[in-house]
Amino acid sequence: MASLEEATHQRRVFAWQGADTEPLTGTEADSPGAGWTISRDDVVVLIEQLRNAAGAVVAFVELQVDGKRTTHRGWVDPASLKRRPGDETEDELALRREQLADIAGEHLAGRAYAEAYHAFGDAIAADPANHRLYGDRALCCARLHKETPSPELRAAGLKDAETCVELKPTFVRGHERLVTMLALCTEAGETDHKTLEAAVRRGLSVDAASVSLRRALQELRDAGVSLDTTLAPTDSELADAAKAAAPKTRGAELFARGDMENAAVKYRAALAWDATDPRIWANRAACFSRRGRFDDALRDAEYAIRLKPRWARARYRLAEARLGQGRVGDALEACDAGLRLDGDEKTRGDLLALMERCAVVE
């Protein structure tokens, strides 16, 4: 090699990550190993990294065999040298961690979930205490599970989400990932609703404004799950009437226009913010009855009654749902209970009219 410049003496240990080399002719003339080759994962020691007259960077290395250095030396392309873990400076380690995380993040942003999953594995190997990496790999599992459900993906995603929360209990996204994976496991019968509810409420104790966690809790209510009224934060503690106001108002507007399907969607959004408002439950019960979804209407009417037992309008919604189910006697009973309560004239008139409908059906 002629006109070598900018010599950098490093003598650091690398693992060879390139393809097998051809026999090198640039070895030292007096080397007994002239003509040696390097195979993948061979260990080499960088002696010098130089820039030749043409501007190309080359590296002068020696090979290690069975942990012992040999006199087999030659010039190689430094791009095929990979630092071994533990042989990097802190700055180099930080840069490598950042680069691996960026690569994984790019795959995730591009919805290449399989590639992202494996890339996050590399990133975690380099930075095992980074809670965000586990959370993002759990998200990959959830997305892949949506395409091809499997117990292996559920188990892997659940483990990653649990690790994320364990590493950083105040990281709300970790709780959101954990709830996502627990919901999949609950659906598959691998865990129960109580475990899921506890995870949701733990997450909401970190950030009560989490939309995804509030939706998850409302999904449990809508599934008819008997929730733990003592588990903190309770529904009363989570109630945010101000946030519920906008979707509640929009639901009423859609109901007035006869768009029951979208009105129910808005009422559901309102309930996620305030599940203690009996009027929202009763209004959504009306939407469901209009659409013939009487089981859902019954559930919502019963919820409204639990919240406000002496509200005649809730009894009317209950009677309406029961009649839709063909339970005429039960519908009449609900009407009678409503008439014994103090209600406005419109509600009283609606109850009497519903009783007449029951009589016709009978």
Protein backbone atom coordinates (compact mmCIF):
# COMPACT_ATOMS: atom_id res chain seq x y z
CA MET A 1 0.00 0.00 0.00
CA ALA A 2 1.54 3.30 -1.07
CA SER A 3 0.89 6.83 0.24
CA LEU A 4 -0.93 5.79 3.38
CA GLU A 5 -2.22 8.71 5.45
CA GLU A 6 -4.15 9.48 8.62
CA ALA A 7 -3.14 6.34 10.48
CA THR A 8 -5.45 5.55 13.42
CA HIS A 9 -3.96 3.06 15.85
CA GLN A 10 -6.87 1.33 17.59
CA ARG A 11 -6.06 -2.35 18.12
CA ARG A 12 -9.65 -3.29 18.99
CA VAL A 13 -11.41 -6.64 18.69
CA PHE A 14 -14.14 -7.19 16.10
CA ALA A 15 -16.27 -10.02 14.75
CA TRP A 16 -16.07 -10.44 10.99
CA GLN A 17 -19.57 -9.93 9.53
CA GLY A 18 -18.78 -9.90 5.84
CA ALA A 19 -18.76 -12.73 3.35
CA ASP A 20 -15.83 -15.13 3.35
CA THR A 21 -12.82 -13.36 1.89
CA GLU A 22 -10.74 -14.54 -1.00
CA PRO A 23 -7.16 -15.48 -0.08
CA LEU A 24 -5.55 -12.13 0.64
CA THR A 25 -2.45 -11.24 -1.34
CA GLY A 26 -1.81 -8.07 0.60
CA THR A 27 -0.47 -9.84 3.67
CA GLU A 28 2.94 -9.10 5.02
CA ALA A 29 5.52 -10.70 2.81
CA ASP A 30 7.25 -12.44 5.68
CA SER A 31 4.03 -13.70 7.25
CA PRO A 32 3.88 -17.48 7.56
CA GLY A 33 0.14 -17.15 7.01
CA ALA A 34 0.29 -15.30 3.70
CA GLY A 35 -2.85 -16.03 1.70
CA TRP A 36 -5.19 -16.56 4.69
CA THR A 37 -8.94 -16.03 4.43
CA ILE A 38 -11.54 -14.79 6.91
CA SER A 39 -14.82 -16.63 7.43
CA ARG A 40 -18.00 -15.27 9.02
CA ASP A 41 -17.78 -14.80 12.78
CA ASP A 42 -14.01 -15.14 12.82
CA VAL A 43 -12.46 -12.80 15.37
CA VAL A 44 -10.06 -10.21 14.04
CA VAL A 45 -8.06 -7.47 15.74
CA LEU A 46 -7.91 -4.06 14.13
CA ILE A 47 -4.37 -2.75 14.25
CA GLU A 48 -4.66 0.31 12.03
CA GLN A 49 -7.36 2.02 10.03
CA LEU A 50 -5.92 4.09 7.22
CA ARG A 51 -6.94 6.12 4.22
CA ASN A 52 -5.02 5.38 1.04
CA ALA A 53 -4.11 7.77 -1.75
CA ALA A 54 -7.38 7.08 -3.54
CA GLY A 55 -9.33 8.14 -0.48
CA ALA A 56 -10.57 4.67 0.39
CA VAL A 57 -10.52 3.58 4.01
CA VAL A 58 -8.77 0.27 4.62
CA ALA A 59 -8.03 -1.67 7.76
CA PHE A 60 -4.91 -3.61 8.71
CA VAL A 61 -5.98 -6.55 10.87
CA GLU A 62 -4.74 -9.82 12.29
CA LEU A 63 -6.75 -12.99 12.72
CA GLN A 64 -7.44 -14.79 15.99
CA VAL A 65 -7.67 -18.58 16.06
CA ASP A 66 -8.97 -20.34 19.18
CA GLY A 67 -8.61 -17.13 21.13
CA LYS A 68 -4.95 -16.68 20.21
CA ARG A 69 -3.61 -14.07 17.87
CA THR A 70 -1.73 -15.28 14.85
CA THR A 71 0.68 -13.54 12.56
CA HIS A 72 -1.88 -13.78 9.76
CA ARG A 73 -2.19 -10.14 8.82
CA GLY A 74 -3.63 -8.26 5.87
CA TRP A 75 -5.73 -5.37 4.56
CA VAL A 76 -9.52 -5.65 4.57
CA ASP A 77 -12.62 -3.53 4.08
CA PRO A 78 -13.51 -2.13 7.53
CA ALA A 79 -17.22 -2.16 6.64
CA SER A 80 -17.20 -5.88 7.40
CA LEU A 81 -15.92 -5.39 10.93
CA LYS A 82 -18.52 -5.46 13.67
CA ARG A 83 -17.71 -4.56 17.24
CA ARG A 84 -18.34 -7.29 19.73
CA PRO A 85 -20.74 -6.44 22.58
CA GLY A 86 -18.78 -5.06 25.49
CA ASP A 87 -15.95 -3.79 23.30
CA GLU A 88 -17.59 -0.44 22.48
CA THR A 89 -17.29 2.93 24.13
CA GLU A 90 -20.35 4.39 25.85
CA ASP A 91 -20.83 6.85 23.00
CA GLU A 92 -20.60 4.05 20.45
CA LEU A 93 -23.07 1.94 22.41
CA ALA A 94 -25.52 4.84 22.66
CA LEU A 95 -25.28 5.46 18.93
CA ARG A 96 -25.84 1.79 18.12
CA ARG A 97 -28.87 1.64 20.42
CA GLU A 98 -30.32 4.72 18.79
CA GLN A 99 -29.71 3.37 15.30
CA LEU A 100 -31.33 0.00 16.07
CA ALA A 101 -34.33 1.69 17.68
CA ASP A 102 -34.70 3.98 14.66
CA ILE A 103 -34.62 1.03 12.26
CA ALA A 104 -37.31 -0.77 14.24
CA GLY A 105 -39.38 2.40 14.48
CA GLU A 106 -39.24 2.91 10.73
CA HIS A 107 -40.53 -0.62 10.13
CA LEU A 108 -43.33 -0.03 12.64
CA ALA A 109 -44.29 3.30 11.07
CA GLY A 110 -44.36 1.58 7.68
CA ARG A 111 -46.66 -1.14 9.08
CA ALA A 112 -44.08 -3.81 8.32
CA TYR A 113 -44.91 -5.50 11.59
CA ALA A 114 -42.97 -8.74 11.11
CA GLU A 115 -39.81 -6.85 10.20
CA ALA A 116 -40.43 -4.43 13.06
CA TYR A 117 -40.85 -7.30 15.52
CA HIS A 118 -37.44 -8.74 14.67
CA ALA A 119 -35.82 -5.30 14.54
CA PHE A 120 -37.14 -4.53 18.01
CA GLY A 121 -35.57 -7.79 19.13
CA ASP A 122 -32.18 -6.50 17.96
CA ALA A 123 -32.83 -3.15 19.63
CA ILE A 124 -33.82 -4.80 22.91
CA ALA A 125 -30.69 -6.97 22.85
CA ALA A 126 -28.64 -3.78 22.66
CA ASP A 127 -30.76 -1.86 25.17
CA PRO A 128 -32.60 -4.33 27.44
CA ALA A 129 -33.71 -1.67 29.96
CA ASN A 130 -35.54 0.48 27.39
CA HIS A 131 -39.23 0.16 28.31
CA ARG A 132 -40.43 1.78 25.07
CA LEU A 133 -38.92 -0.99 22.95
CA TYR A 134 -40.90 -3.67 24.78
CA GLY A 135 -44.09 -1.63 24.43
CA ASP A 136 -43.59 -1.19 20.70
CA ARG A 137 -42.77 -4.86 20.18
CA ALA A 138 -45.99 -5.72 22.04
CA LEU A 139 -47.82 -3.49 19.56
CA CYS A 140 -46.24 -5.48 16.71
CA CYS A 141 -47.60 -8.67 18.28
CA ALA A 142 -51.08 -7.16 18.49
CA ARG A 143 -51.01 -6.06 14.85
CA LEU A 144 -49.67 -9.41 13.65
CA HIS A 145 -52.28 -11.19 15.77
CA LYS A 146 -54.99 -9.24 13.98
CA GLU A 147 -53.76 -10.69 10.68
CA THR A 148 -53.01 -14.21 11.94
CA PRO A 149 -54.20 -14.98 15.49
CA SER A 150 -51.98 -17.34 17.45
CA PRO A 151 -51.33 -18.18 21.11
CA GLU A 152 -47.61 -17.59 20.55
CA LEU A 153 -48.20 -13.99 19.50
CA ARG A 154 -50.53 -13.41 22.45
CA ALA A 155 -47.99 -14.82 24.89
CA ALA A 156 -45.08 -12.87 23.40
CA GLY A 157 -47.02 -9.61 23.29
CA LEU A 158 -48.31 -10.05 26.84
CA LYS A 159 -44.82 -10.72 28.16
CA ASP A 160 -43.41 -7.65 26.41
CA ALA A 161 -46.24 -5.44 27.68
CA GLU A 162 -45.77 -6.70 31.24
CA THR A 163 -42.04 -6.02 31.00
CA CYS A 164 -42.72 -2.51 29.72
CA VAL A 165 -44.99 -1.74 32.69
CA GLU A 166 -42.55 -3.32 35.13
CA LEU A 167 -39.67 -1.21 33.82
CA LYS A 168 -41.68 2.03 33.78
CA PRO A 169 -44.91 1.88 35.84
CA THR A 170 -45.76 5.52 35.06
CA PHE A 171 -45.59 5.02 31.28
CA VAL A 172 -49.25 5.04 30.25
CA ARG A 173 -48.56 3.62 26.79
CA GLY A 174 -47.19 0.51 28.46
CA HIS A 175 -50.48 0.10 30.31
CA GLU A 176 -52.36 0.59 27.04
CA ARG A 177 -50.29 -2.15 25.38
CA LEU A 178 -50.87 -4.44 28.35
CA VAL A 179 -54.63 -3.91 28.16
CA THR A 180 -54.58 -4.59 24.41
CA MET A 181 -52.82 -7.92 24.91
CA LEU A 182 -54.95 -8.89 27.92
CA ALA A 183 -58.08 -8.18 25.88
CA LEU A 184 -56.87 -10.59 23.20
CA CYS A 185 -56.04 -13.20 25.85
CA THR A 186 -59.44 -12.72 27.50
CA GLU A 187 -61.19 -13.16 24.17
CA ALA A 188 -59.26 -16.40 23.69
CA GLY A 189 -60.25 -17.62 27.17
CA GLU A 190 -56.67 -17.47 28.48
CA THR A 191 -57.41 -14.92 31.21
CA ASP A 192 -60.51 -13.38 32.82
CA HIS A 193 -62.37 -10.08 32.76
CA LYS A 194 -61.37 -9.23 36.33
CA THR A 195 -57.69 -9.30 35.39
CA LEU A 196 -58.43 -7.12 32.39
CA GLU A 197 -60.49 -4.63 34.40
CA ALA A 198 -57.75 -4.36 37.04
CA ALA A 199 -55.18 -3.62 34.33
CA VAL A 200 -57.43 -0.96 32.77
CA ARG A 201 -58.00 0.81 36.06
CA ARG A 202 -54.29 0.67 36.95
CA GLY A 203 -53.56 2.40 33.68
CA LEU A 204 -56.25 5.01 34.31
CA SER A 205 -54.70 5.69 37.71
CA VAL A 206 -51.59 6.74 35.78
CA ASP A 207 -53.48 8.82 33.20
CA ALA A 208 -57.24 9.21 33.50
CA ALA A 209 -57.30 10.99 30.14
CA SER A 210 -56.20 7.91 28.18
CA VAL A 211 -58.83 7.51 25.48
CA SER A 212 -57.91 3.91 24.67
CA LEU A 213 -58.13 2.84 28.32
CA ARG A 214 -61.49 4.56 28.78
CA ARG A 215 -62.75 2.81 25.66
CA ALA A 216 -61.51 -0.51 27.00
CA LEU A 217 -63.42 0.01 30.24
CA GLN A 218 -66.57 0.92 28.32
CA GLU A 219 -66.17 -2.22 26.21
CA LEU A 220 -66.28 -4.24 29.43
CA ARG A 221 -69.49 -2.47 30.47
CA ASP A 222 -71.00 -3.08 27.05
CA ALA A 223 -70.05 -6.75 27.27
CA GLY A 224 -72.23 -6.99 30.36
CA VAL A 225 -69.27 -7.70 32.64
CA SER A 226 -70.00 -7.18 36.33
CA LEU A 227 -67.41 -4.59 37.24
CA ASP A 228 -65.77 -4.13 40.62
CA THR A 229 -67.36 -0.98 42.06
CA THR A 230 -64.64 -0.70 44.72
CA LEU A 231 -61.63 -0.92 42.41
CA ALA A 232 -59.84 2.42 42.08
CA PRO A 233 -60.20 4.59 40.22
CA THR A 234 -63.95 4.00 40.46
CA ASP A 235 -66.44 5.10 37.81
CA SER A 236 -67.37 8.05 40.02
CA GLU A 237 -63.73 9.09 40.31
CA LEU A 238 -63.31 8.78 36.54
CA ALA A 239 -66.49 10.70 35.69
CA ASP A 240 -65.74 13.79 33.58
CA ALA A 241 -69.03 15.43 32.64
CA ALA A 242 -67.25 18.23 30.78
CA LYS A 243 -65.53 15.78 28.41
CA ALA A 244 -68.76 13.78 28.01
CA ALA A 245 -70.81 16.85 27.10
CA ALA A 246 -69.80 17.17 23.44
CA PRO A 247 -70.48 13.55 22.33
CA LYS A 248 -73.63 13.51 24.48
CA THR A 249 -74.97 16.61 22.72
CA ARG A 250 -74.02 15.25 19.31
CA GLY A 251 -75.78 11.99 20.14
CA ALA A 252 -78.96 13.88 20.96
CA GLU A 253 -78.76 15.75 17.65
CA LEU A 254 -78.35 12.53 15.68
CA PHE A 255 -81.19 10.89 17.63
CA ALA A 256 -83.49 13.78 16.75
CA ARG A 257 -82.61 13.27 13.07
CA GLY A 258 -83.41 9.57 13.30
CA ASP A 259 -79.79 8.43 12.87
CA MET A 260 -79.90 5.87 15.66
CA GLU A 261 -76.75 4.00 14.70
CA ASN A 262 -74.45 7.01 14.85
CA ALA A 263 -76.28 8.42 17.85
CA ALA A 264 -75.46 5.22 19.74
CA VAL A 265 -71.80 5.59 18.75
CA LYS A 266 -71.71 9.11 20.18
CA TYR A 267 -73.45 8.03 23.36
CA ARG A 268 -70.87 5.31 23.76
CA ALA A 269 -68.11 7.91 23.51
CA ALA A 270 -69.90 9.98 26.14
CA LEU A 271 -70.19 6.98 28.47
CA ALA A 272 -66.45 6.39 28.21
CA TRP A 273 -66.01 9.79 29.84
CA ASP A 274 -68.90 9.56 32.29
CA ALA A 275 -70.54 6.22 32.97
CA THR A 276 -72.40 7.65 35.99
CA ASP A 277 -74.91 9.66 33.93
CA PRO A 278 -78.17 7.65 33.75
CA ARG A 279 -79.53 9.84 30.95
CA ILE A 280 -76.80 8.75 28.56
CA TRP A 281 -77.55 5.08 29.30
CA ALA A 282 -81.30 5.62 28.83
CA ASN A 283 -80.79 7.55 25.61
CA ARG A 284 -78.60 4.84 24.16
CA ALA A 285 -81.18 2.25 25.22
CA ALA A 286 -83.69 4.16 23.10
CA CYS A 287 -81.31 4.03 20.12
CA PHE A 288 -80.91 0.28 20.48
CA SER A 289 -84.67 -0.30 20.80
CA ARG A 290 -85.28 1.70 17.61
CA ARG A 291 -82.75 -0.52 15.82
CA GLY A 292 -84.21 -3.74 17.18
CA ARG A 293 -81.21 -4.46 19.42
CA PHE A 294 -83.36 -5.22 22.44
CA ASP A 295 -80.75 -7.14 24.44
CA ASP A 296 -78.44 -4.14 24.30
CA ALA A 297 -81.35 -1.82 25.10
CA LEU A 298 -82.22 -3.93 28.15
CA ARG A 299 -78.64 -3.80 29.44
CA ASP A 300 -78.50 -0.01 29.11
CA ALA A 301 -81.91 0.50 30.70
CA GLU A 302 -80.93 -1.67 33.66
CA TYR A 303 -77.71 0.34 34.00
CA ALA A 304 -79.74 3.58 34.08
CA ILE A 305 -82.04 2.16 36.76
CA ARG A 306 -79.09 1.10 38.94
CA LEU A 307 -77.77 4.65 38.75
CA LYS A 308 -81.17 6.30 39.33
CA PRO A 309 -83.72 3.81 40.69
CA ARG A 310 -86.60 6.28 41.03
CA TRP A 311 -86.39 7.68 37.51
CA ALA A 312 -89.59 6.88 35.58
CA ARG A 313 -88.00 7.39 32.14
CA ALA A 314 -85.51 4.58 32.81
CA ARG A 315 -88.44 2.28 33.66
CA TYR A 316 -90.02 3.19 30.34
CA ARG A 317 -86.81 2.24 28.48
CA LEU A 318 -86.77 -1.03 30.40
CA ALA A 319 -90.39 -1.78 29.47
CA GLU A 320 -89.68 -0.90 25.83
CA ALA A 321 -86.74 -3.32 25.69
CA ARG A 322 -88.68 -6.12 27.38
CA LEU A 323 -91.59 -5.73 24.98
CA GLY A 324 -89.15 -5.90 22.07
CA GLN A 325 -87.88 -9.20 23.49
CA GLY A 326 -91.44 -10.51 23.59
CA ARG A 327 -91.60 -10.44 27.39
CA VAL A 328 -95.01 -8.77 27.59
CA GLY A 329 -95.66 -9.53 31.25
CA ASP A 330 -92.27 -8.15 32.28
CA ALA A 331 -92.85 -5.08 30.14
CA LEU A 332 -96.19 -4.42 31.89
CA GLU A 333 -94.49 -4.84 35.24
CA ALA A 334 -91.87 -2.22 34.29
CA CYS A 335 -94.61 0.16 33.09
CA ASP A 336 -96.48 -0.25 36.34
CA ALA A 337 -93.31 0.42 38.34
CA GLY A 338 -92.70 3.56 36.30
CA LEU A 339 -96.22 4.88 36.83
CA ARG A 340 -95.78 4.59 40.59
CA LEU A 341 -92.82 6.97 40.42
CA ASP A 342 -92.91 10.74 40.11
CA GLY A 343 -92.43 11.37 36.42
CA ASP A 344 -93.27 14.16 33.99
CA GLU A 345 -96.48 14.09 31.99
CA LYS A 346 -94.73 12.99 28.79
CA THR A 347 -93.13 9.99 30.47
CA ARG A 348 -96.45 9.08 32.10
CA GLY A 349 -98.18 9.29 28.73
CA ASP A 350 -95.47 7.14 27.11
CA LEU A 351 -95.86 4.49 29.82
CA LEU A 352 -99.63 4.35 29.38
CA ALA A 353 -99.27 4.10 25.60
CA LEU A 354 -96.77 1.27 26.00
CA MET A 355 -99.17 -0.57 28.30
CA GLU A 356 -101.81 -0.35 25.57
CA ARG A 357 -99.33 -1.85 23.09
CA CYS A 358 -98.70 -4.67 25.54
CA ALA A 359 -102.44 -5.33 25.76
CA VAL A 360 -102.68 -5.56 21.98
CA VAL A 361 -99.76 -8.02 21.84
CA GLU A 362 -101.32 -10.16 24.57
